[in-house]
Amino acid sequence: MSFYKELENHVHEQQSRRNFLSRTSLGLGAAAMSSLLNADRSFAKKGSPLADDSSPLGQPHFAPKAKRVIYLFQSGAPSQLELFDYKPKLEQMWGQDLPESIRQGQRLTGMTAGQSSFPLAASAYKFAQYGQSQMWISELLPHISTIADEATFVRSLHTEAINHDPAVTFFQTGSQQGGRPSWGSWISYGLGSDNHNMPSFVVLLSKGRGGDQPLYAKLWSNGFLPSVHQGVVFRSGPDPVFYLSNPDGIDKTSRRRMLDYLAKLHQDQYEHILDPEINSRVAQYEMAYRMQTAVPETMDISQEPQYIFDMYGEESRQPGTFAANCLLARKLIEKDVKFVQLYHQGWDQHGSLPRDIKTMAKSVDQASAALIMDLKQRGLLDETLVIWGGEFGRGSYSQGKLTKDNYGRDHHPRSFTIWMAGAGVKKGFVYGETDEFGYNVIKDPVHVHDFQATVMHLLGVDHERLVFKHQGRRYRLTDVHGKVVKPLIA
């Protein structure tokens, strides 16, 4: 008996009372499998807002302002006080204790809760105003300062999470605990794909310095959504996606024949078990087959002109760097990838902050600005939303000993800054305000769920209506919270 025949018999043997009683729905499996294997019908055409057949929407709830997202997530929490939120009061009160009336007994991490004093530390770097909008930006970011009039700065973000892992998880999944679908997975599930040769949700990883907080696959997991919506990690090097290349001795024709027979076995299994995850598995196999051609072409930067490398910086030639990944992000959205998530590690600066933040700022400054300018010159910025920011901010007092040349900053969930540019957001605009110590939000607070709801709105999705029923409850990215921050929208 042949190997394939043994597999087929094994599938037939997997029977149960439940499966037997469900056999009246046999036609559903064949229909679902047919749609998965007919890519031209099951996926939306290029430029169409329609999603694939697994999308619960079919089309956005309303006309979207953004077609796709590039999220430059700065993991480790960059200090807003050194970058975007200028506070001259800290210079005036250098070394004095943060007034108790400001802190009000708010929760601190275990790293500073035991401190006997909380000496205020002004930024070691100067600020200036840039552009027609007169945006305050640090001297650490000379390139980002040139795009001040393209960006919206939100200086009033706040979160409940006080430690890195729950805070990053909260931003990416809407919950501090793992197991929920990531943001990109929700977008993939809700809006589907515009290019059946590429995944709709791609993840890129880079590092600014060593020894920083780790990142976990749960951040780009599909959670309880069908697995076809999980983020696909593209790595630097000759094999950007694991197990995508054919093994030795297997050519494209052989792989096609294997996938066709595997699809037949899975269809037979679906007809007996009626588990929709079987169809998701076949869809992933088919996607991997199509990606064998599309991914190497997209990852190849050798044909980029010299002026592009000059724009993004010399590191853009080095695979795996932030600059190289920003360039890849542009190439990916040119291929109609809907959600590109770039994680950049290295921002966790509890000590030696003046030295380390200079290193980190240099690693992202030129490429971040170049991405905005590159998208704009290609006519893509008007339909692409770019987001830049971390999981929380940094406190205005020094962690540990404060000296003239050195200090650190602890986690600060009460207030921090992100910026956005591109489709749907106002240009040269500041929203929200913190107190003179940069400690509490005093005007226009924006919660993480509000931010998530606003980005979903820009994509044409009502965050309250994109839901998935799991274990008897209806879930959504924003849980039971969140409101659209309409003043941010152009």
Protein backbone atom coordinates (compact mmCIF):
# COMPACT_ATOMS: atom_id res chain seq x y z
CA MET A 1 0.00 0.00 0.00
CA SER A 2 1.37 3.41 -0.93
CA PHE A 3 2.18 6.07 1.66
CA TYR A 4 -0.55 8.40 0.33
CA LYS A 5 -3.12 5.58 0.43
CA GLU A 6 -2.25 4.85 4.07
CA LEU A 7 -2.80 8.53 4.91
CA GLU A 8 -6.16 8.49 3.15
CA ASN A 9 -7.29 5.40 5.05
CA HIS A 10 -6.13 6.96 8.32
CA VAL A 11 -8.28 10.01 7.68
CA HIS A 12 -11.34 7.82 6.96
CA GLU A 13 -10.86 5.96 10.23
CA GLN A 14 -11.20 9.16 12.32
CA GLN A 15 -14.91 8.93 12.99
CA SER A 16 -17.01 9.89 16.01
CA ARG A 17 -20.70 10.08 16.87
CA ARG A 18 -20.56 13.86 16.50
CA ASN A 19 -18.93 13.60 13.07
CA PHE A 20 -21.47 11.04 11.94
CA LEU A 21 -24.38 13.27 12.97
CA SER A 22 -22.76 16.21 11.18
CA ARG A 23 -22.45 14.48 7.80
CA THR A 24 -25.46 16.38 6.45
CA SER A 25 -23.10 19.36 6.05
CA LEU A 26 -20.64 17.57 3.77
CA GLY A 27 -21.05 20.11 1.02
CA LEU A 28 -19.67 22.91 3.19
CA GLY A 29 -16.21 21.38 3.32
CA ALA A 30 -15.95 21.05 -0.43
CA ALA A 31 -17.15 24.60 -0.97
CA ALA A 32 -14.70 26.01 1.57
CA MET A 33 -11.79 24.02 0.16
CA SER A 34 -12.66 25.07 -3.37
CA SER A 35 -12.56 28.74 -2.39
CA LEU A 36 -9.20 28.29 -0.68
CA LEU A 37 -7.63 26.63 -3.68
CA ASN A 38 -9.05 29.16 -6.13
CA ALA A 39 -6.96 32.15 -5.12
CA ASP A 40 -8.40 34.47 -7.74
CA ARG A 41 -11.86 34.11 -6.24
CA SER A 42 -11.10 33.73 -2.54
CA PHE A 43 -8.88 36.79 -2.16
CA ALA A 44 -9.60 40.41 -3.00
CA LYS A 45 -8.10 41.91 -6.13
CA LYS A 46 -5.32 44.47 -5.86
CA GLY A 47 -6.69 47.84 -4.79
CA SER A 48 -10.05 46.43 -3.76
CA PRO A 49 -11.32 46.97 -0.19
CA LEU A 50 -12.99 43.57 -0.29
CA ALA A 51 -11.57 40.91 1.98
CA ASP A 52 -11.24 37.18 1.43
CA ASP A 53 -14.14 34.85 2.13
CA SER A 54 -13.07 34.39 5.77
CA SER A 55 -13.50 38.12 6.47
CA PRO A 56 -16.52 38.88 8.65
CA LEU A 57 -16.91 42.31 7.06
CA GLY A 58 -16.63 41.73 3.33
CA GLN A 59 -15.83 45.42 3.13
CA PRO A 60 -15.03 48.20 5.65
CA HIS A 61 -17.85 49.58 7.77
CA PHE A 62 -17.31 52.99 6.16
CA ALA A 63 -14.94 54.63 3.69
CA PRO A 64 -11.38 54.21 5.05
CA LYS A 65 -8.88 57.05 5.18
CA ALA A 66 -5.98 54.56 5.39
CA LYS A 67 -5.52 51.39 3.36
CA ARG A 68 -2.57 50.04 5.33
CA VAL A 69 -0.45 50.57 8.46
CA ILE A 70 3.28 50.60 9.20
CA TYR A 71 3.76 50.46 12.98
CA LEU A 72 7.29 51.35 14.12
CA PHE A 73 7.03 50.02 17.67
CA GLN A 74 9.86 51.21 19.92
CA SER A 75 10.08 48.38 22.44
CA GLY A 76 11.40 49.25 25.89
CA ALA A 77 9.68 52.64 26.20
CA PRO A 78 11.59 55.67 24.84
CA SER A 79 11.70 58.65 27.17
CA GLN A 80 9.30 61.32 25.96
CA LEU A 81 11.15 63.84 28.16
CA GLU A 82 14.32 63.43 26.09
CA LEU A 83 12.57 63.32 22.72
CA PHE A 84 9.21 65.06 22.39
CA ASP A 85 7.80 66.56 25.60
CA TYR A 86 9.88 69.63 26.49
CA LYS A 87 9.68 70.61 30.18
CA PRO A 88 11.75 73.67 31.17
CA LYS A 89 10.38 73.35 34.73
CA LEU A 90 12.64 70.35 35.20
CA GLU A 91 15.65 72.53 34.44
CA GLN A 92 14.54 75.07 37.02
CA MET A 93 14.01 72.38 39.69
CA TRP A 94 16.99 70.16 38.86
CA GLY A 95 17.75 67.84 41.79
CA GLN A 96 14.74 68.90 43.87
CA ASP A 97 12.23 66.27 44.92
CA LEU A 98 9.13 65.64 42.84
CA PRO A 99 6.31 67.23 44.89
CA GLU A 100 4.07 64.71 46.61
CA SER A 101 1.09 66.69 45.30
CA ILE A 102 2.12 65.62 41.79
CA ARG A 103 2.78 61.95 42.46
CA GLN A 104 -0.22 61.55 44.78
CA GLY A 105 0.91 58.14 45.94
CA GLN A 106 0.65 56.64 42.47
CA ARG A 107 1.98 53.18 41.88
CA LEU A 108 5.72 52.78 41.21
CA THR A 109 7.72 49.77 40.08
CA GLY A 110 9.81 47.81 42.57
CA MET A 111 12.90 49.48 41.11
CA THR A 112 12.09 52.91 42.55
CA ALA A 113 9.36 52.31 45.14
CA GLY A 114 12.06 52.03 47.82
CA GLN A 115 13.82 55.27 46.98
CA SER A 116 13.92 57.78 49.82
CA SER A 117 13.85 60.71 47.41
CA PHE A 118 12.74 61.42 43.86
CA PRO A 119 15.13 64.05 42.43
CA LEU A 120 13.87 65.75 39.28
CA ALA A 121 16.08 65.30 36.21
CA ALA A 122 15.89 67.60 33.21
CA SER A 123 16.84 66.25 29.81
CA ALA A 124 20.55 66.32 29.06
CA TYR A 125 19.65 67.38 25.51
CA LYS A 126 18.32 70.63 24.11
CA PHE A 127 14.97 71.18 22.44
CA ALA A 128 14.01 73.55 19.64
CA GLN A 129 10.91 74.32 17.58
CA TYR A 130 10.69 73.08 14.00
CA GLY A 131 8.54 73.65 10.94
CA GLN A 132 5.60 75.95 10.45
CA SER A 133 3.91 74.09 13.28
CA GLN A 134 6.73 75.11 15.64
CA MET A 135 6.90 71.58 17.04
CA TRP A 136 9.18 71.04 20.05
CA ILE A 137 11.61 68.21 19.22
CA SER A 138 14.92 67.17 20.78
CA GLU A 139 18.31 67.71 19.19
CA LEU A 140 18.62 63.90 19.32
CA LEU A 141 16.25 63.69 16.34
CA PRO A 142 17.53 66.09 13.65
CA HIS A 143 15.93 64.07 10.81
CA ILE A 144 12.53 63.57 12.45
CA SER A 145 12.49 67.32 13.14
CA THR A 146 12.41 67.87 9.36
CA ILE A 147 9.05 66.07 9.07
CA ALA A 148 7.41 67.90 11.99
CA ASP A 149 4.80 69.39 9.68
CA GLU A 150 3.79 65.94 8.41
CA ALA A 151 3.13 64.45 11.84
CA THR A 152 0.55 64.43 14.60
CA PHE A 153 2.06 64.20 18.10
CA VAL A 154 -0.10 62.74 20.86
CA ARG A 155 1.45 63.78 24.18
CA SER A 156 -1.27 62.41 26.43
CA LEU A 157 -1.15 58.62 25.99
CA HIS A 158 -1.62 56.64 29.20
CA THR A 159 -1.95 52.99 30.21
CA GLU A 160 -2.54 50.87 33.32
CA ALA A 161 0.39 48.53 32.62
CA ILE A 162 3.55 49.39 34.53
CA ASN A 163 5.95 46.64 33.42
CA HIS A 164 7.22 45.87 29.92
CA ASP A 165 5.68 42.53 29.05
CA PRO A 166 2.08 43.35 30.06
CA ALA A 167 2.42 46.86 28.60
CA VAL A 168 3.67 45.69 25.18
CA THR A 169 1.07 42.91 25.17
CA PHE A 170 -1.64 45.45 26.02
CA PHE A 171 -0.68 47.73 23.13
CA GLN A 172 -0.49 44.87 20.65
CA THR A 173 -3.51 42.78 21.73
CA GLY A 174 -5.75 44.98 23.88
CA SER A 175 -5.11 42.83 26.96
CA GLN A 176 -2.24 42.65 29.44
CA GLN A 177 -2.47 38.85 29.41
CA GLY A 178 -1.36 36.72 26.48
CA GLY A 179 -3.67 34.67 24.32
CA ARG A 180 -5.62 37.43 22.59
CA PRO A 181 -5.25 38.15 18.86
CA SER A 182 -2.74 40.82 17.94
CA TRP A 183 -3.71 44.09 16.32
CA GLY A 184 -2.46 43.00 12.89
CA SER A 185 -4.40 39.75 13.18
CA TRP A 186 -7.63 41.64 13.86
CA ILE A 187 -7.01 43.79 10.77
CA SER A 188 -6.24 40.71 8.67
CA TYR A 189 -9.37 38.97 9.96
CA GLY A 190 -11.58 41.99 9.43
CA LEU A 191 -10.33 43.29 6.10
CA GLY A 192 -8.60 40.31 4.50
CA SER A 193 -5.85 40.58 1.92
CA ASP A 194 -5.31 42.74 -1.15
CA ASN A 195 -2.53 40.50 -2.49
CA HIS A 196 -3.04 36.74 -2.43
CA ASN A 197 0.70 36.17 -2.92
CA MET A 198 1.67 37.85 0.35
CA PRO A 199 0.43 37.64 3.94
CA SER A 200 -1.71 40.56 5.06
CA PHE A 201 0.23 40.86 8.36
CA VAL A 202 4.05 40.89 8.36
CA VAL A 203 6.42 41.30 11.33
CA LEU A 204 9.98 42.68 11.17
CA LEU A 205 12.42 42.63 14.12
CA SER A 206 15.47 44.80 14.80
CA LYS A 207 17.73 45.77 17.70
CA GLY A 208 19.37 49.05 18.61
CA ARG A 209 21.60 47.66 21.36
CA GLY A 210 21.99 44.40 23.28
CA GLY A 211 20.54 43.22 26.55
CA ASP A 212 17.06 44.66 26.18
CA GLN A 213 13.59 43.31 26.96
CA PRO A 214 12.72 40.19 24.91
CA LEU A 215 9.83 39.98 22.48
CA TYR A 216 7.55 36.96 22.22
CA ALA A 217 5.50 35.40 19.42
CA LYS A 218 2.32 36.07 21.41
CA LEU A 219 2.63 39.71 20.27
CA TRP A 220 1.87 38.76 16.67
CA SER A 221 -0.24 35.69 17.42
CA ASN A 222 -3.69 35.12 15.94
CA GLY A 223 -4.95 34.09 19.40
CA PHE A 224 -8.37 32.51 18.96
CA LEU A 225 -8.80 33.83 15.40
CA PRO A 226 -8.14 31.41 12.50
CA SER A 227 -4.41 30.77 12.25
CA VAL A 228 -4.23 32.14 8.71
CA HIS A 229 -4.35 35.60 10.33
CA GLN A 230 -1.23 35.27 12.50
CA GLY A 231 1.71 37.56 11.77
CA VAL A 232 4.41 36.17 9.51
CA VAL A 233 7.92 37.05 10.68
CA PHE A 234 10.30 38.07 7.90
CA ARG A 235 13.90 37.58 9.00
CA SER A 236 17.13 38.95 7.59
CA GLY A 237 19.35 36.60 5.64
CA PRO A 238 18.95 34.23 2.68
CA ASP A 239 15.88 32.45 4.14
CA PRO A 240 13.50 35.23 5.30
CA VAL A 241 10.61 32.89 6.17
CA PHE A 242 11.31 29.57 7.88
CA TYR A 243 10.43 26.43 5.89
CA LEU A 244 9.40 28.46 2.84
CA SER A 245 12.12 27.12 0.55
CA ASN A 246 11.86 23.66 -0.97
CA PRO A 247 14.11 21.08 0.70
CA ASP A 248 16.86 19.39 -1.31
CA GLY A 249 15.46 17.06 -3.94
CA ILE A 250 12.05 18.75 -4.12
CA ASP A 251 11.29 20.98 -7.09
CA LYS A 252 8.31 23.28 -7.66
CA THR A 253 6.38 20.66 -9.62
CA SER A 254 6.79 18.06 -6.88
CA ARG A 255 5.72 20.54 -4.22
CA ARG A 256 2.62 21.44 -6.24
CA ARG A 257 1.69 17.77 -6.59
CA MET A 258 2.21 17.21 -2.86
CA LEU A 259 0.05 20.22 -1.95
CA ASP A 260 -2.74 19.09 -4.26
CA TYR A 261 -2.86 15.67 -2.65
CA LEU A 262 -2.53 17.16 0.84
CA ALA A 263 -5.48 19.44 0.07
CA LYS A 264 -7.52 16.39 -0.93
CA LEU A 265 -6.70 14.67 2.37
CA HIS A 266 -7.53 17.79 4.35
CA GLN A 267 -10.82 18.19 2.49
CA ASP A 268 -11.72 14.62 3.34
CA GLN A 269 -10.78 15.26 6.97
CA TYR A 270 -12.84 18.46 7.06
CA GLU A 271 -15.88 16.59 5.77
CA HIS A 272 -15.60 14.22 8.72
CA ILE A 273 -14.58 16.65 11.50
CA LEU A 274 -15.89 20.04 10.32
CA ASP A 275 -13.04 21.90 12.03
CA PRO A 276 -12.54 25.25 10.21
CA GLU A 277 -8.90 25.31 11.31
CA ILE A 278 -8.27 22.54 8.73
CA ASN A 279 -9.15 25.01 5.97
CA SER A 280 -6.90 27.63 7.57
CA ARG A 281 -4.03 25.15 7.49
CA VAL A 282 -4.52 24.49 3.79
CA ALA A 283 -4.72 28.23 3.13
CA GLN A 284 -1.36 28.64 4.86
CA TYR A 285 0.21 25.89 2.74
CA GLU A 286 -1.08 27.54 -0.41
CA MET A 287 0.11 30.96 0.74
CA ALA A 288 3.59 29.56 1.41
CA TYR A 289 3.67 28.12 -2.11
CA ARG A 290 2.79 31.48 -3.67
CA MET A 291 5.20 33.31 -1.36
CA GLN A 292 8.14 31.32 -2.74
CA THR A 293 8.26 33.72 -5.65
CA ALA A 294 6.83 36.89 -4.08
CA VAL A 295 8.96 37.02 -0.91
CA PRO A 296 12.46 36.83 -2.44
CA GLU A 297 11.48 39.51 -4.94
CA THR A 298 10.19 41.79 -2.18
CA MET A 299 13.18 41.22 0.11
CA ASP A 300 15.67 41.97 -2.64
CA ILE A 301 16.92 45.55 -2.21
CA SER A 302 19.75 45.25 -4.72
CA GLN A 303 17.80 47.17 -7.36
CA GLU A 304 17.15 50.17 -5.12
CA PRO A 305 18.89 53.32 -6.44
CA GLN A 306 21.74 54.93 -4.52
CA TYR A 307 19.65 57.93 -3.51
CA ILE A 308 17.32 55.62 -1.55
CA PHE A 309 20.22 54.24 0.49
CA ASP A 310 21.43 57.79 1.02
CA MET A 311 17.97 58.74 2.23
CA TYR A 312 17.56 55.85 4.70
CA GLY A 313 21.21 55.83 5.78
CA GLU A 314 24.11 53.46 5.26
CA GLU A 315 22.66 50.91 7.71
CA SER A 316 19.80 50.32 5.26
CA ARG A 317 22.21 48.06 3.35
CA GLN A 318 22.65 45.85 6.43
CA PRO A 319 19.87 43.24 6.73
CA GLY A 320 18.12 43.22 10.09
CA THR A 321 18.81 46.84 11.05
CA PHE A 322 16.02 49.30 11.74
CA ALA A 323 16.93 51.24 8.60
CA ALA A 324 16.85 48.12 6.42
CA ASN A 325 13.50 47.11 7.90
CA CYS A 326 12.03 50.56 7.26
CA LEU A 327 13.02 50.18 3.62
CA LEU A 328 11.47 46.70 3.56
CA ALA A 329 8.30 48.08 5.16
CA ARG A 330 7.94 50.44 2.22
CA LYS A 331 8.48 47.59 -0.24
CA LEU A 332 5.92 45.44 1.61
CA ILE A 333 3.17 48.02 1.47
CA GLU A 334 3.93 48.47 -2.22
CA LYS A 335 2.97 44.78 -2.45
CA ASP A 336 -0.32 45.60 -0.67
CA VAL A 337 0.58 44.06 2.69
CA LYS A 338 -2.04 45.57 4.94
CA PHE A 339 -0.27 45.67 8.33
CA VAL A 340 3.52 45.83 8.77
CA GLN A 341 4.67 45.62 12.38
CA LEU A 342 8.29 46.62 12.98
CA TYR A 343 9.62 46.02 16.52
CA HIS A 344 12.81 47.87 17.46
CA GLN A 345 14.40 46.87 20.76
CA GLY A 346 16.76 48.79 23.03
CA TRP A 347 14.83 51.62 24.73
CA ASP A 348 14.83 50.33 28.33
CA GLN A 349 17.09 52.90 30.02
CA HIS A 350 16.96 52.73 33.82
CA GLY A 351 20.53 53.96 34.09
CA SER A 352 23.05 55.73 31.85
CA LEU A 353 20.13 57.22 29.97
CA PRO A 354 21.95 60.19 28.39
CA ARG A 355 24.45 57.83 26.76
CA ASP A 356 22.09 55.03 25.76
CA ILE A 357 19.23 57.13 24.41
CA LYS A 358 21.68 58.91 22.13
CA THR A 359 22.59 55.51 20.64
CA MET A 360 18.96 54.54 20.23
CA ALA A 361 17.86 57.85 18.74
CA LYS A 362 20.63 57.66 16.16
CA SER A 363 19.56 54.13 15.20
CA VAL A 364 16.01 55.26 14.28
CA ASP A 365 16.09 58.96 13.46
CA GLN A 366 17.18 59.03 9.82
CA ALA A 367 15.27 55.95 8.68
CA SER A 368 12.02 57.00 10.41
CA ALA A 369 12.05 60.35 8.62
CA ALA A 370 13.17 58.74 5.36
CA LEU A 371 10.22 56.35 5.43
CA ILE A 372 7.80 59.28 5.61
CA MET A 373 9.55 61.16 2.80
CA ASP A 374 9.87 58.04 0.65
CA LEU A 375 6.17 57.21 0.99
CA LYS A 376 5.28 60.80 0.20
CA GLN A 377 7.38 60.97 -2.96
CA ARG A 378 5.75 57.75 -4.20
CA GLY A 379 2.22 58.95 -3.53
CA LEU A 380 1.75 56.31 -0.84
CA LEU A 381 1.66 58.45 2.31
CA ASP A 382 -1.92 59.55 1.62
CA GLU A 383 -3.09 55.95 1.97
CA THR A 384 -0.59 54.63 4.52
CA LEU A 385 -0.67 55.36 8.27
CA VAL A 386 2.74 55.33 9.98
CA ILE A 387 2.84 55.01 13.80
CA TRP A 388 5.92 55.58 16.01
CA GLY A 389 5.99 54.92 19.76
CA GLY A 390 6.53 52.55 22.68
CA GLU A 391 4.52 50.84 25.42
CA PHE A 392 4.71 53.59 28.08
CA GLY A 393 6.86 56.56 28.99
CA ARG A 394 9.59 57.49 31.48
CA GLY A 395 9.30 59.31 34.80
CA SER A 396 10.54 62.83 35.42
CA TYR A 397 12.65 61.91 38.48
CA SER A 398 15.94 60.04 38.44
CA GLN A 399 16.10 56.36 39.15
CA GLY A 400 19.07 55.95 41.45
CA LYS A 401 21.74 58.60 41.95
CA LEU A 402 21.42 61.83 40.00
CA THR A 403 24.61 63.47 38.75
CA LYS A 404 25.29 66.27 36.32
CA ASP A 405 26.18 63.83 33.54
CA ASN A 406 24.15 60.76 34.37
CA TYR A 407 20.70 59.64 35.46
CA GLY A 408 18.09 56.98 34.70
CA ARG A 409 14.32 56.98 34.40
CA ASP A 410 11.83 54.38 35.60
CA HIS A 411 8.69 53.18 33.80
CA HIS A 412 5.91 55.75 33.63
CA PRO A 413 2.45 54.68 32.45
CA ARG A 414 0.74 57.96 33.45
CA SER A 415 1.80 59.91 30.36
CA PHE A 416 3.86 59.43 27.22
CA THR A 417 4.09 60.48 23.58
CA ILE A 418 3.56 58.78 20.23
CA TRP A 419 3.46 60.30 16.78
CA MET A 420 1.66 59.38 13.58
CA ALA A 421 1.91 60.55 9.99
CA GLY A 422 0.11 59.82 6.77
CA ALA A 423 -3.37 58.75 5.85
CA GLY A 424 -6.17 60.34 7.79
CA VAL A 425 -4.32 62.25 10.52
CA LYS A 426 -3.77 65.99 10.83
CA LYS A 427 -0.41 67.46 9.88
CA GLY A 428 1.78 69.52 12.20
CA PHE A 429 -0.65 68.93 15.05
CA VAL A 430 -0.23 68.36 18.79
CA TYR A 431 -2.93 66.70 20.86
CA GLY A 432 -2.92 66.43 24.62
CA GLU A 433 -0.79 68.04 27.30
CA THR A 434 1.05 66.99 30.45
CA ASP A 435 1.73 69.05 33.57
CA GLU A 436 4.89 71.15 33.93
CA PHE A 437 6.72 68.14 35.36
CA GLY A 438 5.70 65.86 32.47
CA TYR A 439 4.12 63.53 35.04
CA ASN A 440 0.32 63.66 34.69
CA VAL A 441 -1.95 64.31 31.72
CA ILE A 442 -3.82 67.58 32.26
CA LYS A 443 -5.54 67.94 28.88
CA ASP A 444 -7.15 65.56 26.37
CA PRO A 445 -6.09 62.16 27.78
CA VAL A 446 -5.85 59.28 25.29
CA HIS A 447 -6.03 55.74 26.65
CA VAL A 448 -4.45 52.83 24.76
CA HIS A 449 -7.94 51.56 23.86
CA ASP A 450 -8.84 55.03 22.51
CA PHE A 451 -5.72 54.96 20.35
CA GLN A 452 -6.58 51.48 19.05
CA ALA A 453 -10.15 52.54 18.30
CA THR A 454 -8.91 55.58 16.38
CA VAL A 455 -6.52 53.59 14.19
CA MET A 456 -9.27 51.05 13.45
CA HIS A 457 -11.54 53.94 12.50
CA LEU A 458 -8.95 55.28 10.06
CA LEU A 459 -8.97 51.85 8.40
CA GLY A 460 -12.74 52.04 7.99
CA VAL A 461 -13.50 49.68 10.88
CA ASP A 462 -15.91 50.33 13.75
CA HIS A 463 -13.97 48.81 16.66
CA GLU A 464 -17.21 47.95 18.48
CA ARG A 465 -18.51 45.90 15.55
CA LEU A 466 -15.42 43.85 14.64
CA VAL A 467 -15.95 40.99 17.07
CA PHE A 468 -15.25 37.27 17.34
CA LYS A 469 -17.20 34.87 19.49
CA HIS A 470 -14.92 32.62 21.56
CA GLN A 471 -15.92 30.34 24.43
CA GLY A 472 -19.33 31.96 24.67
CA ARG A 473 -18.12 35.57 24.75
CA ARG A 474 -17.79 38.18 22.02
CA TYR A 475 -14.27 39.64 21.94
CA ARG A 476 -12.80 42.67 20.21
CA LEU A 477 -9.42 44.42 20.16
CA THR A 478 -10.59 47.18 22.50
CA ASP A 479 -12.40 44.77 24.86
CA VAL A 480 -15.31 46.82 26.29
CA HIS A 481 -13.54 50.18 26.14
CA GLY A 482 -12.22 52.76 23.72
CA LYS A 483 -13.54 55.80 21.90
CA VAL A 484 -12.40 57.34 18.62
CA VAL A 485 -10.31 60.48 19.17
CA LYS A 486 -11.90 62.54 16.41
CA PRO A 487 -9.71 65.68 16.80
CA LEU A 488 -6.76 63.62 15.49
CA ILE A 489 -8.52 62.89 12.21
CA ALA A 490 -8.00 65.18 9.26
